[in-house]
Amino acid sequence: MPSKAPGERYRYIAFSIEGEPTFARNDFLDSLIHVARGTPLANSFRITVFEDNFGILKVPHLLKEEAIAILSKMDSIRGTACKVSTLRTSGTIKTLKVKYKSRIGRNEERY
């Protein structure tokens, strides 16, 4: 993700993955990159938190709707069927980390 331009804002999207196994961060990232290829979201996002099939995606605020649509489209990770559900969107990561602190490990004490 390129450095922040003056006045650029971001949105943080909390999501969960429903599926049998717990997926690895890299497996999820590979699937997301594949689904986002050819869209405005390609190369414009960052996974800031990913743990136990829960994550927070950072995107430019103008691409929030596109990101939610792409997350909804994901139906498999590494060939394993799953469903990605968006939980909440926020302008700050701290809000999501506080709300979903039970899903984030003890190593994530700082905001």
N, C-alpha and C. Protein backbone atom coordinates (compact mmCIF):
# COMPACT_ATOMS: atom_id res chain seq x y z
N MET A 1 0.85 -1.16 0.00
CA MET A 1 0.00 0.00 0.00
C MET A 1 0.90 1.23 0.00
N PRO A 2 0.67 2.15 -0.92
CA PRO A 2 1.51 3.34 -0.97
C PRO A 2 1.32 4.21 0.27
N SER A 3 2.28 5.12 0.48
CA SER A 3 2.16 6.00 1.64
C SER A 3 0.94 6.89 1.50
N LYS A 4 0.47 7.38 2.62
CA LYS A 4 -0.75 8.17 2.67
C LYS A 4 -0.56 9.54 2.03
N ALA A 5 -1.45 9.88 1.13
CA ALA A 5 -1.45 11.20 0.50
C ALA A 5 -2.16 12.18 1.44
N PRO A 6 -1.84 13.45 1.37
CA PRO A 6 -2.52 14.43 2.23
C PRO A 6 -4.04 14.38 2.03
N GLY A 7 -4.75 14.30 3.13
CA GLY A 7 -6.21 14.27 3.07
C GLY A 7 -6.81 12.90 2.81
N GLU A 8 -5.99 11.90 2.58
CA GLU A 8 -6.52 10.56 2.32
C GLU A 8 -7.00 9.93 3.62
N ARG A 9 -8.15 9.31 3.56
CA ARG A 9 -8.71 8.67 4.74
C ARG A 9 -8.85 7.18 4.47
N TYR A 10 -8.88 6.41 5.55
CA TYR A 10 -9.02 4.97 5.44
C TYR A 10 -10.23 4.49 6.22
N ARG A 11 -10.70 3.33 5.86
CA ARG A 11 -11.76 2.65 6.60
C ARG A 11 -11.20 1.28 6.98
N TYR A 12 -11.65 0.81 8.11
CA TYR A 12 -11.24 -0.49 8.63
C TYR A 12 -12.48 -1.37 8.66
N ILE A 13 -12.40 -2.52 8.04
CA ILE A 13 -13.55 -3.43 7.92
C ILE A 13 -13.24 -4.70 8.70
N ALA A 14 -14.05 -4.97 9.72
CA ALA A 14 -13.91 -6.22 10.48
C ALA A 14 -14.69 -7.30 9.73
N PHE A 15 -14.11 -8.49 9.64
CA PHE A 15 -14.76 -9.59 8.94
C PHE A 15 -14.46 -10.90 9.65
N SER A 16 -15.32 -11.87 9.39
CA SER A 16 -15.07 -13.22 9.91
C SER A 16 -15.26 -14.21 8.78
N ILE A 17 -14.59 -15.34 8.91
CA ILE A 17 -14.66 -16.40 7.90
C ILE A 17 -15.35 -17.59 8.53
N GLU A 18 -16.42 -18.02 7.90
CA GLU A 18 -17.15 -19.20 8.37
C GLU A 18 -16.70 -20.38 7.51
N GLY A 19 -16.15 -21.38 8.15
CA GLY A 19 -15.68 -22.56 7.46
C GLY A 19 -15.09 -23.53 8.46
N GLU A 20 -14.89 -24.75 8.04
CA GLU A 20 -14.38 -25.80 8.93
C GLU A 20 -13.05 -25.45 9.57
N PRO A 21 -11.98 -25.37 8.77
CA PRO A 21 -10.68 -25.18 9.41
C PRO A 21 -10.42 -23.71 9.73
N THR A 22 -9.39 -23.49 10.51
CA THR A 22 -8.89 -22.13 10.71
C THR A 22 -7.89 -21.89 9.59
N PHE A 23 -8.10 -20.84 8.83
CA PHE A 23 -7.26 -20.56 7.68
C PHE A 23 -6.03 -19.75 8.09
N ALA A 24 -4.95 -19.95 7.37
CA ALA A 24 -3.72 -19.18 7.59
C ALA A 24 -3.86 -17.81 6.93
N ARG A 25 -3.20 -16.83 7.50
CA ARG A 25 -3.24 -15.46 6.97
C ARG A 25 -2.83 -15.42 5.50
N ASN A 26 -1.74 -16.10 5.14
CA ASN A 26 -1.26 -16.08 3.76
C ASN A 26 -2.23 -16.73 2.79
N ASP A 27 -2.91 -17.79 3.23
CA ASP A 27 -3.90 -18.43 2.37
C ASP A 27 -5.06 -17.48 2.09
N PHE A 28 -5.52 -16.79 3.13
CA PHE A 28 -6.59 -15.82 2.95
C PHE A 28 -6.14 -14.68 2.05
N LEU A 29 -4.93 -14.17 2.28
CA LEU A 29 -4.40 -13.07 1.49
C LEU A 29 -4.30 -13.46 0.02
N ASP A 30 -3.81 -14.66 -0.27
CA ASP A 30 -3.72 -15.12 -1.66
C ASP A 30 -5.09 -15.14 -2.32
N SER A 31 -6.10 -15.64 -1.62
CA SER A 31 -7.46 -15.69 -2.17
C SER A 31 -8.02 -14.30 -2.39
N LEU A 32 -7.77 -13.40 -1.44
CA LEU A 32 -8.28 -12.03 -1.57
C LEU A 32 -7.62 -11.32 -2.74
N ILE A 33 -6.32 -11.49 -2.91
CA ILE A 33 -5.61 -10.89 -4.04
C ILE A 33 -6.17 -11.41 -5.35
N HIS A 34 -6.45 -12.71 -5.41
CA HIS A 34 -7.00 -13.31 -6.62
C HIS A 34 -8.37 -12.74 -6.96
N VAL A 35 -9.24 -12.60 -5.96
CA VAL A 35 -10.59 -12.08 -6.19
C VAL A 35 -10.55 -10.59 -6.54
N ALA A 36 -9.62 -9.84 -5.94
CA ALA A 36 -9.54 -8.40 -6.16
C ALA A 36 -8.82 -8.01 -7.46
N ARG A 37 -8.16 -8.97 -8.09
CA ARG A 37 -7.41 -8.69 -9.31
C ARG A 37 -8.32 -8.06 -10.37
N GLY A 38 -7.87 -6.97 -10.96
CA GLY A 38 -8.63 -6.31 -12.01
C GLY A 38 -9.69 -5.34 -11.50
N THR A 39 -9.75 -5.13 -10.20
CA THR A 39 -10.70 -4.19 -9.62
C THR A 39 -9.93 -2.99 -9.06
N PRO A 40 -10.64 -1.91 -8.74
CA PRO A 40 -9.95 -0.77 -8.14
C PRO A 40 -9.29 -1.10 -6.80
N LEU A 41 -9.72 -2.17 -6.14
CA LEU A 41 -9.19 -2.53 -4.83
C LEU A 41 -7.81 -3.19 -4.93
N ALA A 42 -7.46 -3.73 -6.08
CA ALA A 42 -6.17 -4.40 -6.23
C ALA A 42 -5.04 -3.47 -5.80
N ASN A 43 -4.14 -3.95 -4.97
CA ASN A 43 -2.99 -3.20 -4.46
C ASN A 43 -3.37 -2.01 -3.59
N SER A 44 -4.59 -1.98 -3.07
CA SER A 44 -5.02 -0.83 -2.27
C SER A 44 -5.50 -1.23 -0.88
N PHE A 45 -5.18 -2.41 -0.44
CA PHE A 45 -5.66 -2.84 0.88
C PHE A 45 -4.53 -3.44 1.68
N ARG A 46 -4.79 -3.57 2.98
CA ARG A 46 -3.83 -4.20 3.88
C ARG A 46 -4.63 -4.96 4.94
N ILE A 47 -4.18 -6.16 5.26
CA ILE A 47 -4.79 -6.91 6.37
C ILE A 47 -4.01 -6.50 7.62
N THR A 48 -4.68 -5.79 8.52
CA THR A 48 -3.98 -5.30 9.71
C THR A 48 -4.04 -6.31 10.85
N VAL A 49 -5.11 -7.07 10.92
CA VAL A 49 -5.27 -8.11 11.95
C VAL A 49 -5.83 -9.34 11.26
N PHE A 50 -5.28 -10.51 11.58
CA PHE A 50 -5.86 -11.76 11.10
C PHE A 50 -5.53 -12.84 12.10
N GLU A 51 -6.57 -13.37 12.72
CA GLU A 51 -6.37 -14.37 13.76
C GLU A 51 -7.65 -15.20 13.92
N ASP A 52 -7.51 -16.51 13.90
CA ASP A 52 -8.64 -17.42 14.13
C ASP A 52 -9.86 -17.08 13.29
N ASN A 53 -9.65 -16.91 11.97
CA ASN A 53 -10.72 -16.62 11.03
C ASN A 53 -11.45 -15.31 11.30
N PHE A 54 -10.78 -14.38 11.93
CA PHE A 54 -11.27 -13.02 12.13
C PHE A 54 -10.19 -12.07 11.65
N GLY A 55 -10.59 -10.98 11.01
CA GLY A 55 -9.59 -10.04 10.54
C GLY A 55 -10.12 -8.64 10.41
N ILE A 56 -9.19 -7.72 10.20
CA ILE A 56 -9.53 -6.33 9.95
C ILE A 56 -8.76 -5.91 8.69
N LEU A 57 -9.51 -5.41 7.73
CA LEU A 57 -8.96 -4.99 6.44
C LEU A 57 -8.93 -3.47 6.39
N LYS A 58 -7.79 -2.89 5.99
CA LYS A 58 -7.65 -1.44 5.86
C LYS A 58 -7.73 -1.09 4.38
N VAL A 59 -8.65 -0.16 4.04
CA VAL A 59 -8.84 0.25 2.65
C VAL A 59 -9.03 1.76 2.58
N PRO A 60 -8.71 2.39 1.44
CA PRO A 60 -9.03 3.81 1.27
C PRO A 60 -10.54 4.00 1.38
N HIS A 61 -10.98 5.11 1.98
CA HIS A 61 -12.40 5.27 2.26
C HIS A 61 -13.28 5.24 1.01
N LEU A 62 -12.77 5.64 -0.13
CA LEU A 62 -13.56 5.62 -1.36
C LEU A 62 -13.77 4.19 -1.89
N LEU A 63 -12.98 3.25 -1.41
CA LEU A 63 -13.09 1.86 -1.88
C LEU A 63 -13.77 0.95 -0.86
N LYS A 64 -14.40 1.53 0.14
CA LYS A 64 -15.03 0.73 1.19
C LYS A 64 -16.10 -0.19 0.62
N GLU A 65 -17.01 0.32 -0.20
CA GLU A 65 -18.09 -0.50 -0.76
C GLU A 65 -17.54 -1.59 -1.66
N GLU A 66 -16.52 -1.26 -2.44
CA GLU A 66 -15.87 -2.25 -3.31
C GLU A 66 -15.26 -3.37 -2.48
N ALA A 67 -14.61 -3.01 -1.37
CA ALA A 67 -13.97 -4.01 -0.50
C ALA A 67 -15.02 -4.94 0.12
N ILE A 68 -16.12 -4.37 0.57
CA ILE A 68 -17.18 -5.19 1.16
C ILE A 68 -17.75 -6.14 0.12
N ALA A 69 -17.95 -5.67 -1.11
CA ALA A 69 -18.46 -6.52 -2.18
C ALA A 69 -17.49 -7.66 -2.49
N ILE A 70 -16.21 -7.36 -2.52
CA ILE A 70 -15.22 -8.38 -2.82
C ILE A 70 -15.13 -9.42 -1.70
N LEU A 71 -15.16 -8.96 -0.45
CA LEU A 71 -15.16 -9.91 0.67
C LEU A 71 -16.38 -10.83 0.58
N SER A 72 -17.53 -10.27 0.20
CA SER A 72 -18.76 -11.07 0.09
C SER A 72 -18.67 -12.11 -1.02
N LYS A 73 -17.91 -11.79 -2.07
CA LYS A 73 -17.76 -12.71 -3.21
C LYS A 73 -16.91 -13.93 -2.89
N MET A 74 -16.06 -13.81 -1.90
CA MET A 74 -15.15 -14.92 -1.60
C MET A 74 -15.93 -16.13 -1.12
N ASP A 75 -15.73 -17.25 -1.83
CA ASP A 75 -16.46 -18.47 -1.46
C ASP A 75 -15.54 -19.66 -1.21
N SER A 76 -14.24 -19.46 -1.39
CA SER A 76 -13.31 -20.54 -1.07
C SER A 76 -11.92 -19.96 -0.79
N ILE A 77 -11.21 -20.67 0.05
CA ILE A 77 -9.82 -20.33 0.36
C ILE A 77 -9.03 -21.62 0.23
N ARG A 78 -8.04 -21.59 -0.65
CA ARG A 78 -7.23 -22.78 -0.92
C ARG A 78 -8.09 -24.00 -1.29
N GLY A 79 -9.17 -23.75 -2.03
CA GLY A 79 -10.03 -24.83 -2.46
C GLY A 79 -11.03 -25.32 -1.42
N THR A 80 -11.02 -24.72 -0.24
CA THR A 80 -11.95 -25.11 0.82
C THR A 80 -13.10 -24.10 0.85
N ALA A 81 -14.31 -24.60 0.78
CA ALA A 81 -15.48 -23.72 0.78
C ALA A 81 -15.57 -22.94 2.09
N CYS A 82 -15.96 -21.68 1.98
CA CYS A 82 -16.11 -20.83 3.16
C CYS A 82 -17.03 -19.67 2.81
N LYS A 83 -17.36 -18.88 3.81
CA LYS A 83 -18.15 -17.67 3.60
C LYS A 83 -17.51 -16.57 4.43
N VAL A 84 -17.25 -15.43 3.80
CA VAL A 84 -16.68 -14.28 4.50
C VAL A 84 -17.80 -13.29 4.76
N SER A 85 -17.97 -12.93 6.02
CA SER A 85 -19.01 -11.98 6.42
C SER A 85 -18.37 -10.74 7.00
N THR A 86 -18.82 -9.58 6.54
CA THR A 86 -18.33 -8.35 7.14
C THR A 86 -19.15 -8.07 8.39
N LEU A 87 -18.48 -7.63 9.44
CA LEU A 87 -19.12 -7.42 10.72
C LEU A 87 -19.41 -5.95 11.00
N ARG A 88 -18.43 -5.10 10.72
CA ARG A 88 -18.58 -3.69 11.02
C ARG A 88 -17.48 -2.91 10.30
N THR A 89 -17.77 -1.65 9.99
CA THR A 89 -16.79 -0.76 9.37
C THR A 89 -16.58 0.43 10.29
N SER A 90 -15.33 0.90 10.37
CA SER A 90 -15.01 2.03 11.24
C SER A 90 -13.95 2.90 10.60
N GLY A 91 -13.87 4.15 11.05
CA GLY A 91 -12.83 5.06 10.59
C GLY A 91 -11.54 4.91 11.37
N THR A 92 -11.59 4.18 12.50
CA THR A 92 -10.37 3.95 13.29
C THR A 92 -10.25 2.47 13.62
N ILE A 93 -9.03 1.99 13.64
CA ILE A 93 -8.81 0.59 13.97
C ILE A 93 -9.05 0.34 15.46
N LYS A 94 -8.81 1.35 16.27
CA LYS A 94 -8.98 1.20 17.72
C LYS A 94 -10.42 0.80 18.07
N THR A 95 -11.38 1.41 17.41
CA THR A 95 -12.78 1.10 17.66
C THR A 95 -13.06 -0.39 17.44
N LEU A 96 -12.54 -0.94 16.36
CA LEU A 96 -12.78 -2.36 16.05
C LEU A 96 -12.02 -3.26 17.00
N LYS A 97 -10.81 -2.88 17.37
CA LYS A 97 -10.03 -3.71 18.29
C LYS A 97 -10.69 -3.75 19.67
N VAL A 98 -11.27 -2.65 20.10
CA VAL A 98 -11.98 -2.64 21.38
C VAL A 98 -13.24 -3.49 21.29
N LYS A 99 -14.02 -3.31 20.22
CA LYS A 99 -15.28 -4.04 20.07
C LYS A 99 -15.05 -5.55 19.97
N TYR A 100 -14.01 -5.96 19.26
CA TYR A 100 -13.77 -7.39 19.01
C TYR A 100 -12.55 -7.91 19.77
N LYS A 101 -12.24 -7.32 20.92
CA LYS A 101 -11.05 -7.73 21.67
C LYS A 101 -11.08 -9.19 22.08
N SER A 102 -12.26 -9.78 22.24
CA SER A 102 -12.34 -11.19 22.61
C SER A 102 -11.87 -12.10 21.46
N ARG A 103 -11.91 -11.61 20.23
CA ARG A 103 -11.47 -12.40 19.07
C ARG A 103 -10.00 -12.22 18.75
N ILE A 104 -9.40 -11.19 19.32
CA ILE A 104 -8.00 -10.89 19.04
C ILE A 104 -7.16 -11.39 20.21
N GLY A 105 -6.04 -12.03 19.90
CA GLY A 105 -5.18 -12.61 20.93
C GLY A 105 -4.62 -11.61 21.91
N ARG A 106 -4.05 -12.12 22.95
CA ARG A 106 -3.49 -11.29 24.02
C ARG A 106 -2.26 -10.50 23.56
N ASN A 107 -1.69 -10.86 22.44
CA ASN A 107 -0.53 -10.13 21.93
C ASN A 107 -0.92 -8.77 21.36
N GLU A 108 -2.21 -8.56 21.14
CA GLU A 108 -2.71 -7.31 20.57
C GLU A 108 -3.19 -6.36 21.66
N GLU A 109 -2.37 -6.08 22.63
CA GLU A 109 -2.74 -5.19 23.75
C GLU A 109 -2.73 -3.73 23.32
N ARG A 110 -1.80 -3.36 22.42
CA ARG A 110 -1.68 -1.95 22.03
C ARG A 110 -2.65 -1.62 20.91
N TYR A 111 -2.95 -0.35 20.77
CA TYR A 111 -3.80 0.13 19.69
C TYR A 111 -2.94 0.97 18.80
